[in-house]
Amino acid sequence: MTVLFLVPWLTYLLAQGMELSGIASILFCGFTMAQYALPNLTQQGQKQIKRFYNVVAYNFENLVFVFIGMSLFGYNLQFKYFF
């Protein structure tokens, strides 16, 4: 299960080191790992991995919305030019 945590991070670092898209590398790494690595885990391991990635996705989604909300009030925008 540790490999499923480290491989996407390492593919991101490798892609960034080669000046390629790190996001695309994680996407294709996820497709490949879902096809080949996930079926090789036990049922309990599959449930734990899915729960872990669901928690991580939920937390990062909330973080994005917090940053969007902070940017609304954090910058001195001149809204009169928008209307």
N, C-alpha and C. Protein backbone atom coordinates (compact mmCIF):
# COMPACT_ATOMS: atom_id res chain seq x y z
N MET A 1 0.82 -1.19 0.00
CA MET A 1 0.00 0.00 0.00
C MET A 1 0.86 1.26 0.00
N THR A 2 2.05 1.15 0.54
CA THR A 2 2.94 2.32 0.56
C THR A 2 3.31 2.73 -0.86
N VAL A 3 3.43 1.77 -1.74
CA VAL A 3 3.77 2.07 -3.14
C VAL A 3 2.68 2.93 -3.77
N LEU A 4 1.42 2.68 -3.42
CA LEU A 4 0.32 3.46 -3.98
C LEU A 4 0.32 4.89 -3.48
N PHE A 5 1.01 5.16 -2.39
CA PHE A 5 1.15 6.53 -1.91
C PHE A 5 2.35 7.23 -2.56
N LEU A 6 3.41 6.50 -2.78
CA LEU A 6 4.66 7.10 -3.24
C LEU A 6 4.77 7.24 -4.76
N VAL A 7 4.22 6.31 -5.51
CA VAL A 7 4.40 6.32 -6.96
C VAL A 7 3.82 7.58 -7.61
N PRO A 8 2.61 8.03 -7.28
CA PRO A 8 2.13 9.28 -7.91
C PRO A 8 3.00 10.48 -7.59
N TRP A 9 3.50 10.54 -6.38
CA TRP A 9 4.37 11.65 -6.00
C TRP A 9 5.68 11.59 -6.79
N LEU A 10 6.24 10.41 -6.93
CA LEU A 10 7.49 10.26 -7.68
C LEU A 10 7.30 10.55 -9.17
N THR A 11 6.15 10.16 -9.73
CA THR A 11 5.91 10.49 -11.14
C THR A 11 5.75 12.00 -11.32
N TYR A 12 5.14 12.65 -10.36
CA TYR A 12 5.03 14.12 -10.42
C TYR A 12 6.42 14.76 -10.38
N LEU A 13 7.26 14.32 -9.45
CA LEU A 13 8.61 14.87 -9.36
C LEU A 13 9.43 14.61 -10.61
N LEU A 14 9.29 13.43 -11.17
CA LEU A 14 10.01 13.09 -12.39
C LEU A 14 9.55 13.96 -13.56
N ALA A 15 8.24 14.14 -13.68
CA ALA A 15 7.71 14.97 -14.77
C ALA A 15 8.14 16.42 -14.61
N GLN A 16 8.13 16.94 -13.39
CA GLN A 16 8.57 18.31 -13.17
C GLN A 16 10.06 18.45 -13.44
N GLY A 17 10.83 17.45 -13.09
CA GLY A 17 12.26 17.48 -13.37
C GLY A 17 12.56 17.47 -14.86
N MET A 18 11.71 16.84 -15.64
CA MET A 18 11.88 16.81 -17.08
C MET A 18 11.15 17.95 -17.77
N GLU A 19 10.59 18.87 -16.98
CA GLU A 19 9.84 20.03 -17.46
C GLU A 19 8.62 19.63 -18.29
N LEU A 20 7.92 18.58 -17.83
CA LEU A 20 6.67 18.16 -18.43
C LEU A 20 5.54 18.47 -17.47
N SER A 21 4.33 18.14 -17.83
CA SER A 21 3.18 18.43 -16.99
C SER A 21 3.08 17.41 -15.85
N GLY A 22 3.22 17.91 -14.63
CA GLY A 22 3.11 17.03 -13.47
C GLY A 22 1.69 16.55 -13.24
N ILE A 23 0.71 17.41 -13.53
CA ILE A 23 -0.69 17.04 -13.36
C ILE A 23 -1.08 15.92 -14.31
N ALA A 24 -0.64 16.02 -15.56
CA ALA A 24 -0.94 14.96 -16.53
C ALA A 24 -0.26 13.65 -16.14
N SER A 25 0.94 13.74 -15.59
CA SER A 25 1.63 12.51 -15.18
C SER A 25 0.90 11.82 -14.04
N ILE A 26 0.37 12.60 -13.10
CA ILE A 26 -0.41 12.00 -12.01
C ILE A 26 -1.70 11.38 -12.54
N LEU A 27 -2.33 12.05 -13.51
CA LEU A 27 -3.57 11.54 -14.09
C LEU A 27 -3.34 10.18 -14.74
N PHE A 28 -2.33 10.09 -15.59
CA PHE A 28 -2.06 8.82 -16.27
C PHE A 28 -1.51 7.77 -15.31
N CYS A 29 -0.79 8.20 -14.30
CA CYS A 29 -0.33 7.26 -13.27
C CYS A 29 -1.53 6.67 -12.53
N GLY A 30 -2.53 7.51 -12.24
CA GLY A 30 -3.73 7.03 -11.57
C GLY A 30 -4.50 6.03 -12.41
N PHE A 31 -4.62 6.31 -13.71
CA PHE A 31 -5.30 5.36 -14.61
C PHE A 31 -4.58 4.02 -14.63
N THR A 32 -3.26 4.07 -14.73
CA THR A 32 -2.47 2.85 -14.80
C THR A 32 -2.53 2.07 -13.49
N MET A 33 -2.42 2.79 -12.37
CA MET A 33 -2.45 2.11 -11.08
C MET A 33 -3.82 1.52 -10.78
N ALA A 34 -4.89 2.19 -11.21
CA ALA A 34 -6.24 1.65 -11.00
C ALA A 34 -6.42 0.37 -11.82
N GLN A 35 -5.79 0.31 -12.97
CA GLN A 35 -5.93 -0.86 -13.84
C GLN A 35 -5.09 -2.03 -13.36
N TYR A 36 -3.86 -1.76 -12.91
CA TYR A 36 -2.92 -2.84 -12.63
C TYR A 36 -2.59 -3.05 -11.15
N ALA A 37 -2.48 -1.99 -10.38
CA ALA A 37 -2.03 -2.13 -9.00
C ALA A 37 -3.18 -2.41 -8.04
N LEU A 38 -4.30 -1.75 -8.23
CA LEU A 38 -5.42 -1.90 -7.29
C LEU A 38 -5.98 -3.33 -7.23
N PRO A 39 -6.12 -4.04 -8.35
CA PRO A 39 -6.62 -5.42 -8.26
C PRO A 39 -5.68 -6.38 -7.53
N ASN A 40 -4.42 -6.00 -7.37
CA ASN A 40 -3.46 -6.87 -6.69
C ASN A 40 -3.46 -6.70 -5.18
N LEU A 41 -4.28 -5.79 -4.67
CA LEU A 41 -4.40 -5.61 -3.22
C LEU A 41 -5.49 -6.51 -2.66
N THR A 42 -5.45 -6.72 -1.36
CA THR A 42 -6.54 -7.44 -0.71
C THR A 42 -7.78 -6.56 -0.67
N GLN A 43 -8.91 -7.13 -0.33
CA GLN A 43 -10.15 -6.36 -0.23
C GLN A 43 -10.03 -5.25 0.81
N GLN A 44 -9.41 -5.58 1.94
CA GLN A 44 -9.22 -4.58 2.99
C GLN A 44 -8.28 -3.47 2.52
N GLY A 45 -7.23 -3.81 1.82
CA GLY A 45 -6.31 -2.81 1.30
C GLY A 45 -6.97 -1.90 0.28
N GLN A 46 -7.81 -2.46 -0.58
CA GLN A 46 -8.53 -1.66 -1.55
C GLN A 46 -9.47 -0.66 -0.87
N LYS A 47 -10.15 -1.12 0.18
CA LYS A 47 -11.06 -0.21 0.91
C LYS A 47 -10.28 0.91 1.59
N GLN A 48 -9.14 0.57 2.18
CA GLN A 48 -8.34 1.59 2.86
C GLN A 48 -7.78 2.61 1.89
N ILE A 49 -7.31 2.16 0.74
CA ILE A 49 -6.77 3.08 -0.26
C ILE A 49 -7.88 4.00 -0.77
N LYS A 50 -9.03 3.44 -1.06
CA LYS A 50 -10.14 4.27 -1.56
C LYS A 50 -10.58 5.28 -0.52
N ARG A 51 -10.65 4.86 0.75
CA ARG A 51 -11.01 5.81 1.82
C ARG A 51 -9.97 6.91 1.96
N PHE A 52 -8.71 6.53 1.92
CA PHE A 52 -7.64 7.51 2.05
C PHE A 52 -7.70 8.55 0.94
N TYR A 53 -7.82 8.09 -0.31
CA TYR A 53 -7.87 9.04 -1.42
C TYR A 53 -9.15 9.87 -1.42
N ASN A 54 -10.25 9.32 -0.93
CA ASN A 54 -11.47 10.11 -0.80
C ASN A 54 -11.30 11.22 0.24
N VAL A 55 -10.66 10.91 1.35
CA VAL A 55 -10.41 11.92 2.39
C VAL A 55 -9.47 12.99 1.86
N VAL A 56 -8.42 12.59 1.17
CA VAL A 56 -7.47 13.56 0.62
C VAL A 56 -8.16 14.45 -0.41
N ALA A 57 -8.96 13.86 -1.30
CA ALA A 57 -9.66 14.65 -2.32
C ALA A 57 -10.64 15.63 -1.69
N TYR A 58 -11.36 15.18 -0.67
CA TYR A 58 -12.32 16.05 0.02
C TYR A 58 -11.61 17.23 0.68
N ASN A 59 -10.50 16.96 1.35
CA ASN A 59 -9.78 18.03 2.03
C ASN A 59 -9.16 19.03 1.05
N PHE A 60 -8.61 18.55 -0.04
CA PHE A 60 -8.04 19.47 -1.02
C PHE A 60 -9.12 20.27 -1.75
N GLU A 61 -10.27 19.67 -1.96
CA GLU A 61 -11.38 20.41 -2.56
C GLU A 61 -11.81 21.54 -1.63
N ASN A 62 -11.90 21.26 -0.34
CA ASN A 62 -12.24 22.30 0.61
C ASN A 62 -11.17 23.39 0.65
N LEU A 63 -9.92 23.00 0.54
CA LEU A 63 -8.83 23.97 0.55
C LEU A 63 -8.91 24.91 -0.66
N VAL A 64 -9.26 24.36 -1.80
CA VAL A 64 -9.42 25.19 -2.99
C VAL A 64 -10.52 26.22 -2.78
N PHE A 65 -11.64 25.80 -2.21
CA PHE A 65 -12.73 26.75 -1.98
C PHE A 65 -12.38 27.78 -0.92
N VAL A 66 -11.59 27.40 0.06
CA VAL A 66 -11.12 28.38 1.05
C VAL A 66 -10.25 29.43 0.36
N PHE A 67 -9.35 29.00 -0.51
CA PHE A 67 -8.50 29.95 -1.23
C PHE A 67 -9.31 30.84 -2.15
N ILE A 68 -10.33 30.29 -2.79
CA ILE A 68 -11.18 31.11 -3.64
C ILE A 68 -11.91 32.16 -2.80
N GLY A 69 -12.43 31.75 -1.65
CA GLY A 69 -13.10 32.70 -0.77
C GLY A 69 -12.17 33.76 -0.23
N MET A 70 -10.95 33.37 0.12
CA MET A 70 -9.98 34.34 0.62
C MET A 70 -9.57 35.32 -0.46
N SER A 71 -9.48 34.86 -1.69
CA SER A 71 -9.06 35.76 -2.77
C SER A 71 -10.14 36.78 -3.08
N LEU A 72 -11.37 36.45 -2.79
CA LEU A 72 -12.45 37.40 -3.03
C LEU A 72 -12.31 38.63 -2.15
N PHE A 73 -11.85 38.45 -0.92
CA PHE A 73 -11.71 39.56 0.01
C PHE A 73 -10.25 39.98 0.22
N GLY A 74 -9.32 39.19 -0.22
CA GLY A 74 -7.92 39.46 0.06
C GLY A 74 -7.26 40.43 -0.91
N TYR A 75 -7.87 40.65 -2.06
CA TYR A 75 -7.27 41.54 -3.04
C TYR A 75 -8.09 42.82 -3.14
N ASN A 76 -7.44 43.89 -3.44
CA ASN A 76 -8.10 45.17 -3.59
C ASN A 76 -8.55 45.32 -5.04
N LEU A 77 -9.67 44.68 -5.36
CA LEU A 77 -10.18 44.74 -6.73
C LEU A 77 -11.11 45.93 -6.86
N GLN A 78 -11.11 46.50 -8.01
CA GLN A 78 -11.98 47.64 -8.27
C GLN A 78 -13.18 47.12 -9.04
N PHE A 79 -14.24 46.78 -8.32
CA PHE A 79 -15.40 46.15 -8.93
C PHE A 79 -16.17 47.11 -9.82
N LYS A 80 -15.96 48.38 -9.70
CA LYS A 80 -16.72 49.32 -10.53
C LYS A 80 -16.34 49.18 -12.00
N TYR A 81 -15.16 48.63 -12.30
CA TYR A 81 -14.77 48.45 -13.68
C TYR A 81 -15.37 47.20 -14.30
N PHE A 82 -15.93 46.31 -13.48
CA PHE A 82 -16.52 45.09 -13.99
C PHE A 82 -17.94 45.28 -14.49
N PHE A 83 -18.62 46.32 -14.02
CA PHE A 83 -20.04 46.49 -14.37
C PHE A 83 -20.25 47.67 -15.27
